[in-house]
N, C-alpha and C. Protein backbone atom coordinates (compact mmCIF):
# COMPACT_ATOMS: atom_id res chain seq x y z
N MET A 1 -42.54 12.16 -11.58
CA MET A 1 -43.43 10.93 -12.47
C MET A 1 -43.76 9.85 -11.95
N GLY A 2 -44.97 9.17 -12.10
CA GLY A 2 -45.47 8.13 -11.50
C GLY A 2 -46.71 7.96 -12.23
N PHE A 3 -47.21 6.28 -11.73
CA PHE A 3 -48.04 5.53 -12.23
C PHE A 3 -49.49 5.99 -11.76
N GLU A 4 -50.73 6.32 -12.67
CA GLU A 4 -51.81 6.80 -12.27
C GLU A 4 -52.25 5.97 -11.24
N GLY A 5 -52.53 6.10 -9.96
CA GLY A 5 -53.33 5.27 -9.01
C GLY A 5 -52.29 4.49 -8.21
N TYR A 6 -51.08 4.38 -8.49
CA TYR A 6 -49.84 4.07 -7.62
C TYR A 6 -48.95 5.01 -7.15
N LEU A 7 -49.29 6.26 -6.95
CA LEU A 7 -48.30 7.23 -6.82
C LEU A 7 -47.61 7.15 -5.54
N ASN A 8 -48.10 6.39 -4.51
CA ASN A 8 -47.43 6.53 -3.08
C ASN A 8 -46.91 5.09 -3.22
N ASP A 9 -47.04 3.91 -4.05
CA ASP A 9 -46.20 2.53 -4.16
C ASP A 9 -44.65 2.65 -4.55
N THR A 10 -43.99 1.64 -4.21
CA THR A 10 -42.67 1.63 -4.56
C THR A 10 -42.50 0.47 -5.45
N THR A 11 -42.86 -0.58 -5.33
CA THR A 11 -42.60 -1.99 -5.71
C THR A 11 -44.05 -2.55 -6.08
N GLY A 12 -45.06 -1.95 -5.75
CA GLY A 12 -46.30 -2.50 -5.41
C GLY A 12 -47.22 -2.22 -6.59
N THR A 13 -46.72 -1.63 -7.79
CA THR A 13 -47.74 -1.18 -8.86
C THR A 13 -47.59 -2.79 -9.59
N PRO A 14 -49.18 -3.17 -9.82
CA PRO A 14 -48.97 -4.84 -10.38
C PRO A 14 -48.48 -4.36 -12.15
N PHE A 15 -48.32 -5.61 -12.38
CA PHE A 15 -47.68 -5.57 -13.70
C PHE A 15 -48.69 -5.60 -14.78
N SER A 16 -48.41 -5.23 -15.89
CA SER A 16 -49.57 -5.34 -16.81
C SER A 16 -48.95 -4.90 -18.37
N TYR A 17 -49.38 -6.42 -19.34
CA TYR A 17 -48.90 -5.87 -20.75
C TYR A 17 -49.40 -4.67 -21.37
N GLN A 18 -50.25 -4.18 -20.50
CA GLN A 18 -51.08 -3.10 -21.11
C GLN A 18 -50.37 -1.53 -20.84
N GLU A 19 -49.72 -1.46 -20.05
CA GLU A 19 -48.98 -0.74 -19.28
C GLU A 19 -49.99 0.47 -18.46
N HIS A 20 -49.35 1.21 -17.58
CA HIS A 20 -50.23 1.96 -17.13
C HIS A 20 -49.98 3.34 -17.25
N ASN A 21 -51.04 4.06 -17.29
CA ASN A 21 -50.82 5.87 -17.21
C ASN A 21 -49.89 6.23 -16.67
N TYR A 22 -49.01 7.23 -17.12
CA TYR A 22 -48.20 8.05 -16.22
C TYR A 22 -48.80 9.28 -16.03
N ILE A 23 -48.55 9.88 -14.85
CA ILE A 23 -48.77 11.43 -14.44
C ILE A 23 -47.59 12.15 -13.90
N TRP A 24 -47.51 13.23 -13.97
CA TRP A 24 -46.61 14.11 -13.43
C TRP A 24 -46.82 14.25 -12.02
N LYS A 25 -45.96 14.05 -11.05
CA LYS A 25 -46.30 14.39 -9.37
C LYS A 25 -46.17 15.55 -9.11
N THR A 26 -45.09 16.30 -9.68
CA THR A 26 -44.78 17.67 -9.54
C THR A 26 -44.87 18.49 -10.72
N GLY A 27 -44.29 19.69 -10.57
CA GLY A 27 -44.21 20.93 -11.72
C GLY A 27 -42.72 20.48 -12.37
N ARG A 28 -42.19 19.51 -11.88
CA ARG A 28 -40.70 19.40 -12.51
C ARG A 28 -40.95 18.39 -13.71
N ARG A 29 -40.20 19.18 -15.14
CA ARG A 29 -40.49 17.87 -16.05
C ARG A 29 -39.13 17.42 -16.50
N TYR A 30 -39.13 16.27 -17.27
CA TYR A 30 -37.69 15.97 -17.96
C TYR A 30 -37.96 16.66 -19.51
N TRP A 31 -37.25 17.38 -19.99
CA TRP A 31 -37.08 18.31 -21.05
C TRP A 31 -36.85 17.77 -22.25
N ASP A 32 -35.90 16.46 -22.18
CA ASP A 32 -35.39 15.63 -23.13
C ASP A 32 -36.37 14.24 -23.45
N PHE A 33 -37.22 14.08 -22.55
CA PHE A 33 -37.94 13.08 -22.53
C PHE A 33 -39.39 13.44 -22.12
N GLN A 34 -40.36 13.04 -23.09
CA GLN A 34 -41.92 13.23 -22.75
C GLN A 34 -42.67 11.96 -23.15
N PRO A 35 -43.01 11.49 -22.24
CA PRO A 35 -43.65 9.88 -22.17
C PRO A 35 -45.31 10.32 -22.55
N GLY A 36 -45.96 9.45 -23.14
CA GLY A 36 -47.26 9.54 -23.37
C GLY A 36 -48.27 8.40 -22.92
N ASN A 37 -49.41 8.76 -22.92
CA ASN A 37 -50.27 7.71 -22.49
C ASN A 37 -51.04 6.96 -23.65
N ASP A 38 -50.84 7.71 -25.00
CA ASP A 38 -51.80 7.44 -25.90
C ASP A 38 -51.04 5.69 -26.16
N TYR A 39 -51.94 4.93 -26.77
CA TYR A 39 -51.97 3.60 -27.18
C TYR A 39 -51.52 3.02 -28.58
N ASN A 40 -50.64 2.63 -28.89
CA ASN A 40 -50.18 2.07 -30.06
C ASN A 40 -50.53 0.79 -30.35
N ALA A 41 -51.19 0.22 -31.10
CA ALA A 41 -51.79 -1.13 -31.14
C ALA A 41 -50.99 -1.76 -32.39
N THR A 42 -49.72 -0.96 -32.80
CA THR A 42 -49.27 -1.64 -33.81
C THR A 42 -47.94 -1.76 -33.33
N CYS A 43 -47.59 -1.17 -32.28
CA CYS A 43 -45.97 -1.24 -31.46
C CYS A 43 -45.46 -2.53 -31.95
N ASP A 44 -43.66 -2.48 -32.54
CA ASP A 44 -43.25 -3.58 -32.39
C ASP A 44 -42.20 -3.48 -31.49
N TYR A 45 -42.19 -4.47 -30.57
CA TYR A 45 -40.86 -4.59 -29.66
C TYR A 45 -39.81 -5.10 -30.26
N PRO A 46 -38.55 -4.58 -29.69
CA PRO A 46 -37.11 -5.18 -29.85
C PRO A 46 -37.40 -6.57 -29.25
N PRO A 47 -35.98 -7.42 -29.91
CA PRO A 47 -35.65 -8.92 -29.37
C PRO A 47 -35.83 -8.55 -27.77
N LEU A 48 -36.07 -9.51 -26.82
CA LEU A 48 -36.06 -9.23 -25.51
C LEU A 48 -35.32 -10.74 -24.66
N TRP A 49 -34.39 -10.31 -23.92
CA TRP A 49 -33.63 -11.49 -23.44
C TRP A 49 -33.64 -11.35 -21.49
N TYR A 50 -33.59 -12.52 -21.22
CA TYR A 50 -33.53 -12.94 -19.80
C TYR A 50 -32.10 -12.41 -19.44
N ASP A 51 -31.90 -12.30 -18.03
CA ASP A 51 -30.52 -12.21 -17.38
C ASP A 51 -29.60 -13.30 -17.82
N ASP A 52 -30.12 -14.36 -17.91
CA ASP A 52 -28.96 -15.64 -18.42
C ASP A 52 -29.07 -15.84 -19.73
N GLY A 53 -29.38 -14.64 -20.63
CA GLY A 53 -28.80 -14.89 -21.98
C GLY A 53 -29.91 -15.62 -22.90
N ASP A 54 -30.92 -16.15 -22.35
CA ASP A 54 -31.60 -16.80 -23.16
C ASP A 54 -32.82 -15.91 -23.67
N ALA A 55 -33.24 -15.97 -24.77
CA ALA A 55 -34.38 -15.39 -25.62
C ALA A 55 -35.68 -15.44 -24.59
N VAL A 56 -36.21 -14.26 -24.81
CA VAL A 56 -37.71 -14.41 -23.75
C VAL A 56 -38.70 -15.19 -25.02
N GLY A 57 -39.43 -16.11 -24.44
CA GLY A 57 -40.05 -16.84 -25.42
C GLY A 57 -41.48 -16.31 -25.71
N THR A 58 -42.21 -17.02 -26.82
CA THR A 58 -43.56 -16.76 -27.00
C THR A 58 -44.59 -16.48 -25.96
N ASN A 59 -44.31 -17.23 -24.94
CA ASN A 59 -45.47 -17.37 -23.80
C ASN A 59 -45.47 -16.12 -23.38
N VAL A 60 -44.56 -15.27 -23.27
CA VAL A 60 -44.51 -13.99 -23.14
C VAL A 60 -44.61 -12.93 -23.98
N THR A 61 -43.88 -12.89 -25.07
CA THR A 61 -44.20 -12.02 -26.13
C THR A 61 -45.34 -12.04 -27.10
N SER A 62 -45.90 -13.40 -27.20
CA SER A 62 -47.27 -13.01 -27.81
C SER A 62 -48.24 -12.20 -27.00
N GLN A 63 -48.24 -11.89 -25.63
CA GLN A 63 -49.10 -11.07 -25.06
C GLN A 63 -48.68 -9.64 -25.02
N MET A 64 -47.40 -9.41 -25.52
CA MET A 64 -47.01 -8.08 -25.93
C MET A 64 -47.91 -7.37 -27.12
N VAL A 65 -48.77 -6.74 -26.97
CA VAL A 65 -49.50 -6.67 -28.43
C VAL A 65 -49.80 -5.13 -28.05
N GLY A 66 -49.03 -4.24 -28.94
CA GLY A 66 -49.21 -2.73 -28.55
C GLY A 66 -48.29 -2.09 -27.48
N CYS A 67 -48.61 -0.78 -27.41
CA CYS A 67 -47.71 -0.43 -26.52
C CYS A 67 -48.06 1.04 -26.23
N LYS A 68 -48.12 1.63 -25.08
CA LYS A 68 -47.83 3.02 -25.01
C LYS A 68 -47.02 4.14 -25.93
N ASN A 69 -47.26 5.38 -25.87
CA ASN A 69 -46.09 6.32 -26.25
C ASN A 69 -44.95 6.34 -25.60
N SER A 70 -44.25 5.35 -25.98
CA SER A 70 -43.21 5.30 -24.64
C SER A 70 -41.78 4.99 -25.36
N GLU A 71 -40.69 4.50 -24.66
CA GLU A 71 -39.35 4.01 -25.16
C GLU A 71 -39.87 2.99 -26.12
N PHE A 72 -40.34 2.01 -25.92
CA PHE A 72 -40.40 0.80 -26.67
C PHE A 72 -41.11 1.20 -28.05
N ASP A 73 -42.28 1.86 -28.30
CA ASP A 73 -42.59 2.51 -29.80
C ASP A 73 -41.68 3.04 -30.67
N GLN A 74 -40.49 3.40 -30.34
CA GLN A 74 -39.26 4.11 -30.52
C GLN A 74 -38.23 3.16 -31.21
N VAL A 75 -38.48 1.67 -31.45
CA VAL A 75 -37.73 0.69 -31.61
C VAL A 75 -37.98 0.16 -33.25
N SER A 76 -37.16 -0.04 -34.22
CA SER A 76 -37.44 -0.48 -35.26
C SER A 76 -37.41 -1.96 -35.23
N PRO A 77 -38.27 -2.90 -36.31
CA PRO A 77 -38.40 -4.11 -35.62
C PRO A 77 -36.66 -4.53 -36.45
N GLN A 78 -36.22 -5.71 -35.75
CA GLN A 78 -34.75 -6.06 -36.30
C GLN A 78 -35.02 -7.47 -36.81
N SER A 79 -34.21 -7.68 -37.82
CA SER A 79 -34.10 -8.80 -38.39
C SER A 79 -33.59 -9.90 -37.46
N THR A 80 -34.19 -11.31 -37.63
CA THR A 80 -33.47 -12.24 -36.55
C THR A 80 -32.49 -13.07 -37.42
N SER A 81 -32.31 -13.10 -38.40
CA SER A 81 -31.81 -14.13 -39.52
C SER A 81 -30.20 -13.63 -39.45
């Protein structure tokens, strides 16, 4: 599995809040995981934290609008109270 347009890059894939499309590089498949390239405009992200334990700020999370059919769209919103 790899990112469309970046199959031979190891860490050179540019970051994108809109995510990259995935493609299968070979005939091998993950039978328990099927990612998707469909865009979900109403995706809710879970709370995110930096390595030092601080919450990721709105300067980052405000840019996280929608997501691909992936791991993040499987998360239910959590109460922050």
